[in-house]
Amino acid sequence: MIKLGIVMDPIASINIKKDTSFAMLLEAQRRGWELHYMEMNDLYLHAGDGRARTRLLNVKEDKESWFSFWQRAGFGVAGSGRDPDAQKIRRSTLNTSMRPTSWNVPK
């Protein structure tokens, strides 16, 4: 069985119609995958290895009750489902790729 670990904002406060992590969870569950939910404060290092305290999760498209936890678990490697900050990426890309321009270079 495939185990999907997802780091996301508190699931109780998401908009299920707009949240891409929720859509990914629905599809993974439809495929029979085991869903491991975690928030940023659930991540930690143990002897240099990334670990996470997780909760096994069930999701459904119900605007009143879209999730339930059913067991605490652990996870070895964790990835993030957070949307990247596009402005931060653009700024850092520009800062590393731009070269200084000299308009008046005496010879």
C-alpha atoms as a PDB file:
ATOM      1  CA  MET A   1       0.000   0.000   0.000  1.00  0.00           C
ATOM      2  CA  ILE A   2       1.240   3.482  -0.835  1.00  0.00           C
ATOM      3  CA  LYS A   3       1.505   5.823   2.152  1.00  0.00           C
ATOM      4  CA  LEU A   4       1.110   9.528   1.381  1.00  0.00           C
ATOM      5  CA  GLY A   5       2.395  11.971   3.982  1.00  0.00           C
ATOM      6  CA  ILE A   6       1.253  15.556   3.557  1.00  0.00           C
ATOM      7  CA  VAL A   7       2.249  18.666   5.506  1.00  0.00           C
ATOM      8  CA  MET A   8      -0.435  21.316   5.327  1.00  0.00           C
ATOM      9  CA  ASP A   9      -2.165  24.143   7.146  1.00  0.00           C
ATOM     10  CA  PRO A  10      -4.740  23.034   9.744  1.00  0.00           C
ATOM     11  CA  ILE A  11      -7.241  20.964   7.781  1.00  0.00           C
ATOM     12  CA  ALA A  12     -10.151  22.265   9.871  1.00  0.00           C
ATOM     13  CA  SER A  13      -9.643  25.770   8.432  1.00  0.00           C
ATOM     14  CA  ILE A  14      -9.241  25.030   4.703  1.00  0.00           C
ATOM     15  CA  ASN A  15     -11.694  25.813   1.912  1.00  0.00           C
ATOM     16  CA  ILE A  16     -12.259  22.374   0.383  1.00  0.00           C
ATOM     17  CA  LYS A  17     -13.389  23.870  -2.939  1.00  0.00           C
ATOM     18  CA  LYS A  18     -10.084  25.744  -3.431  1.00  0.00           C
ATOM     19  CA  ASP A  19      -7.419  23.788  -1.550  1.00  0.00           C
ATOM     20  CA  THR A  20      -5.134  21.785  -3.862  1.00  0.00           C
ATOM     21  CA  SER A  21      -3.821  19.633  -1.015  1.00  0.00           C
ATOM     22  CA  PHE A  22      -7.383  18.528  -0.246  1.00  0.00           C
ATOM     23  CA  ALA A  23      -7.968  17.607  -3.904  1.00  0.00           C
ATOM     24  CA  MET A  24      -4.774  15.542  -3.847  1.00  0.00           C
ATOM     25  CA  LEU A  25      -5.906  13.800  -0.649  1.00  0.00           C
ATOM     26  CA  LEU A  26      -9.287  12.922  -2.177  1.00  0.00           C
ATOM     27  CA  GLU A  27      -7.641  11.354  -5.225  1.00  0.00           C
ATOM     28  CA  ALA A  28      -5.052   9.477  -3.170  1.00  0.00           C
ATOM     29  CA  GLN A  29      -7.799   8.058  -0.945  1.00  0.00           C
ATOM     30  CA  ARG A  30      -9.835   7.063  -4.021  1.00  0.00           C
ATOM     31  CA  ARG A  31      -6.792   5.070  -5.170  1.00  0.00           C
ATOM     32  CA  GLY A  32      -6.634   3.264  -1.828  1.00  0.00           C
ATOM     33  CA  TRP A  33      -3.568   5.035  -0.453  1.00  0.00           C
ATOM     34  CA  GLU A  34      -3.008   5.487   3.276  1.00  0.00           C
ATOM     35  CA  LEU A  35      -3.175   9.204   4.172  1.00  0.00           C
ATOM     36  CA  HIS A  36      -0.803  10.584   6.822  1.00  0.00           C
ATOM     37  CA  TYR A  37      -1.663  14.141   7.907  1.00  0.00           C
ATOM     38  CA  MET A  38       0.789  16.476   9.603  1.00  0.00           C
ATOM     39  CA  GLU A  39       1.316  20.149  10.326  1.00  0.00           C
ATOM     40  CA  MET A  40       4.639  22.006  10.523  1.00  0.00           C
ATOM     41  CA  ASN A  41       4.956  21.503  14.288  1.00  0.00           C
ATOM     42  CA  ASP A  42       4.728  17.710  13.772  1.00  0.00           C
ATOM     43  CA  LEU A  43       8.077  17.644  11.927  1.00  0.00           C
ATOM     44  CA  TYR A  44      11.321  16.931  13.790  1.00  0.00           C
ATOM     45  CA  LEU A  45      14.839  15.519  13.428  1.00  0.00           C
ATOM     46  CA  HIS A  46      15.964  12.297  15.086  1.00  0.00           C
ATOM     47  CA  ALA A  47      19.672  11.462  14.770  1.00  0.00           C
ATOM     48  CA  GLY A  48      19.815  13.574  11.610  1.00  0.00           C
ATOM     49  CA  ASP A  49      16.808  11.901   9.973  1.00  0.00           C
ATOM     50  CA  GLY A  50      13.622  13.796   9.107  1.00  0.00           C
ATOM     51  CA  ARG A  51      10.626  12.403  10.998  1.00  0.00           C
ATOM     52  CA  ALA A  52       7.029  13.370  11.632  1.00  0.00           C
ATOM     53  CA  ARG A  53       4.250  12.613  14.078  1.00  0.00           C
ATOM     54  CA  THR A  54       1.220  11.923  11.900  1.00  0.00           C
ATOM     55  CA  ARG A  55      -2.452  11.127  12.146  1.00  0.00           C
ATOM     56  CA  LEU A  56      -4.125   8.733   9.740  1.00  0.00           C
ATOM     57  CA  LEU A  57      -6.793  10.622   7.862  1.00  0.00           C
ATOM     58  CA  ASN A  58     -10.045  10.029   5.989  1.00  0.00           C
ATOM     59  CA  VAL A  59     -11.456  12.767   3.729  1.00  0.00           C
ATOM     60  CA  LYS A  60     -14.729  13.319   1.889  1.00  0.00           C
ATOM     61  CA  GLU A  61     -16.383  16.057  -0.160  1.00  0.00           C
ATOM     62  CA  ASP A  62     -18.766  17.280   2.522  1.00  0.00           C
ATOM     63  CA  LYS A  63     -18.634  20.990   3.345  1.00  0.00           C
ATOM     64  CA  GLU A  64     -19.785  20.340   6.928  1.00  0.00           C
ATOM     65  CA  SER A  65     -17.546  17.375   7.810  1.00  0.00           C
ATOM     66  CA  TRP A  66     -14.715  16.857   5.296  1.00  0.00           C
ATOM     67  CA  PHE A  67     -12.176  14.971   7.411  1.00  0.00           C
ATOM     68  CA  SER A  68     -11.724  12.583  10.310  1.00  0.00           C
ATOM     69  CA  PHE A  69      -8.653  11.232  12.083  1.00  0.00           C
ATOM     70  CA  TRP A  70      -8.616   7.633  13.130  1.00  0.00           C
ATOM     71  CA  GLN A  71      -5.170   6.806  14.519  1.00  0.00           C
ATOM     72  CA  ARG A  72      -1.850   8.386  15.478  1.00  0.00           C
ATOM     73  CA  ALA A  73       1.139   7.154  13.508  1.00  0.00           C
ATOM     74  CA  GLY A  74       4.685   8.061  12.508  1.00  0.00           C
ATOM     75  CA  PHE A  75       6.299   8.792   9.184  1.00  0.00           C
ATOM     76  CA  GLY A  76       9.918   8.572   8.043  1.00  0.00           C
ATOM     77  CA  VAL A  77      10.224  11.146   5.274  1.00  0.00           C
ATOM     78  CA  ALA A  78       7.945  14.135   4.836  1.00  0.00           C
ATOM     79  CA  GLY A  79       7.304  16.486   1.917  1.00  0.00           C
ATOM     80  CA  SER A  80       5.350  19.713   1.841  1.00  0.00           C
ATOM     81  CA  GLY A  81       2.125  20.390   0.000  1.00  0.00           C
ATOM     82  CA  ARG A  82       2.330  24.112   0.633  1.00  0.00           C
ATOM     83  CA  ASP A  83       2.013  26.426  -2.332  1.00  0.00           C
ATOM     84  CA  PRO A  84       5.297  28.245  -2.965  1.00  0.00           C
ATOM     85  CA  ASP A  85       5.520  32.003  -2.507  1.00  0.00           C
ATOM     86  CA  ALA A  86       5.736  33.115  -6.143  1.00  0.00           C
ATOM     87  CA  GLN A  87       7.042  36.586  -5.264  1.00  0.00           C
ATOM     88  CA  LYS A  88       9.823  35.141  -3.127  1.00  0.00           C
ATOM     89  CA  ILE A  89      10.840  32.751  -5.917  1.00  0.00           C
ATOM     90  CA  ARG A  90      10.820  35.558  -8.462  1.00  0.00           C
ATOM     91  CA  ARG A  91      12.923  37.844  -6.240  1.00  0.00           C
ATOM     92  CA  SER A  92      15.491  35.167  -5.449  1.00  0.00           C
ATOM     93  CA  THR A  93      15.708  34.138  -9.109  1.00  0.00           C
ATOM     94  CA  LEU A  94      16.254  37.730 -10.192  1.00  0.00           C
ATOM     95  CA  ASN A  95      18.791  38.321  -7.437  1.00  0.00           C
ATOM     96  CA  THR A  96      20.898  35.326  -8.418  1.00  0.00           C
ATOM     97  CA  SER A  97      20.629  35.655 -12.183  1.00  0.00           C
ATOM     98  CA  MET A  98      21.165  39.389 -12.710  1.00  0.00           C
ATOM     99  CA  ARG A  99      24.692  40.665 -13.335  1.00  0.00           C
ATOM    100  CA  PRO A 100      25.791  44.206 -12.552  1.00  0.00           C
ATOM    101  CA  THR A 101      25.660  46.554 -15.505  1.00  0.00           C
ATOM    102  CA  SER A 102      28.409  49.120 -16.021  1.00  0.00           C
ATOM    103  CA  TRP A 103      27.515  52.052 -18.226  1.00  0.00           C
ATOM    104  CA  ASN A 104      30.724  54.025 -17.901  1.00  0.00           C
ATOM    105  CA  VAL A 105      33.787  51.795 -17.988  1.00  0.00           C
ATOM    106  CA  PRO A 106      37.036  53.797 -18.413  1.00  0.00           C
ATOM    107  CA  LYS A 107      39.760  52.045 -20.407  1.00  0.00           C
END
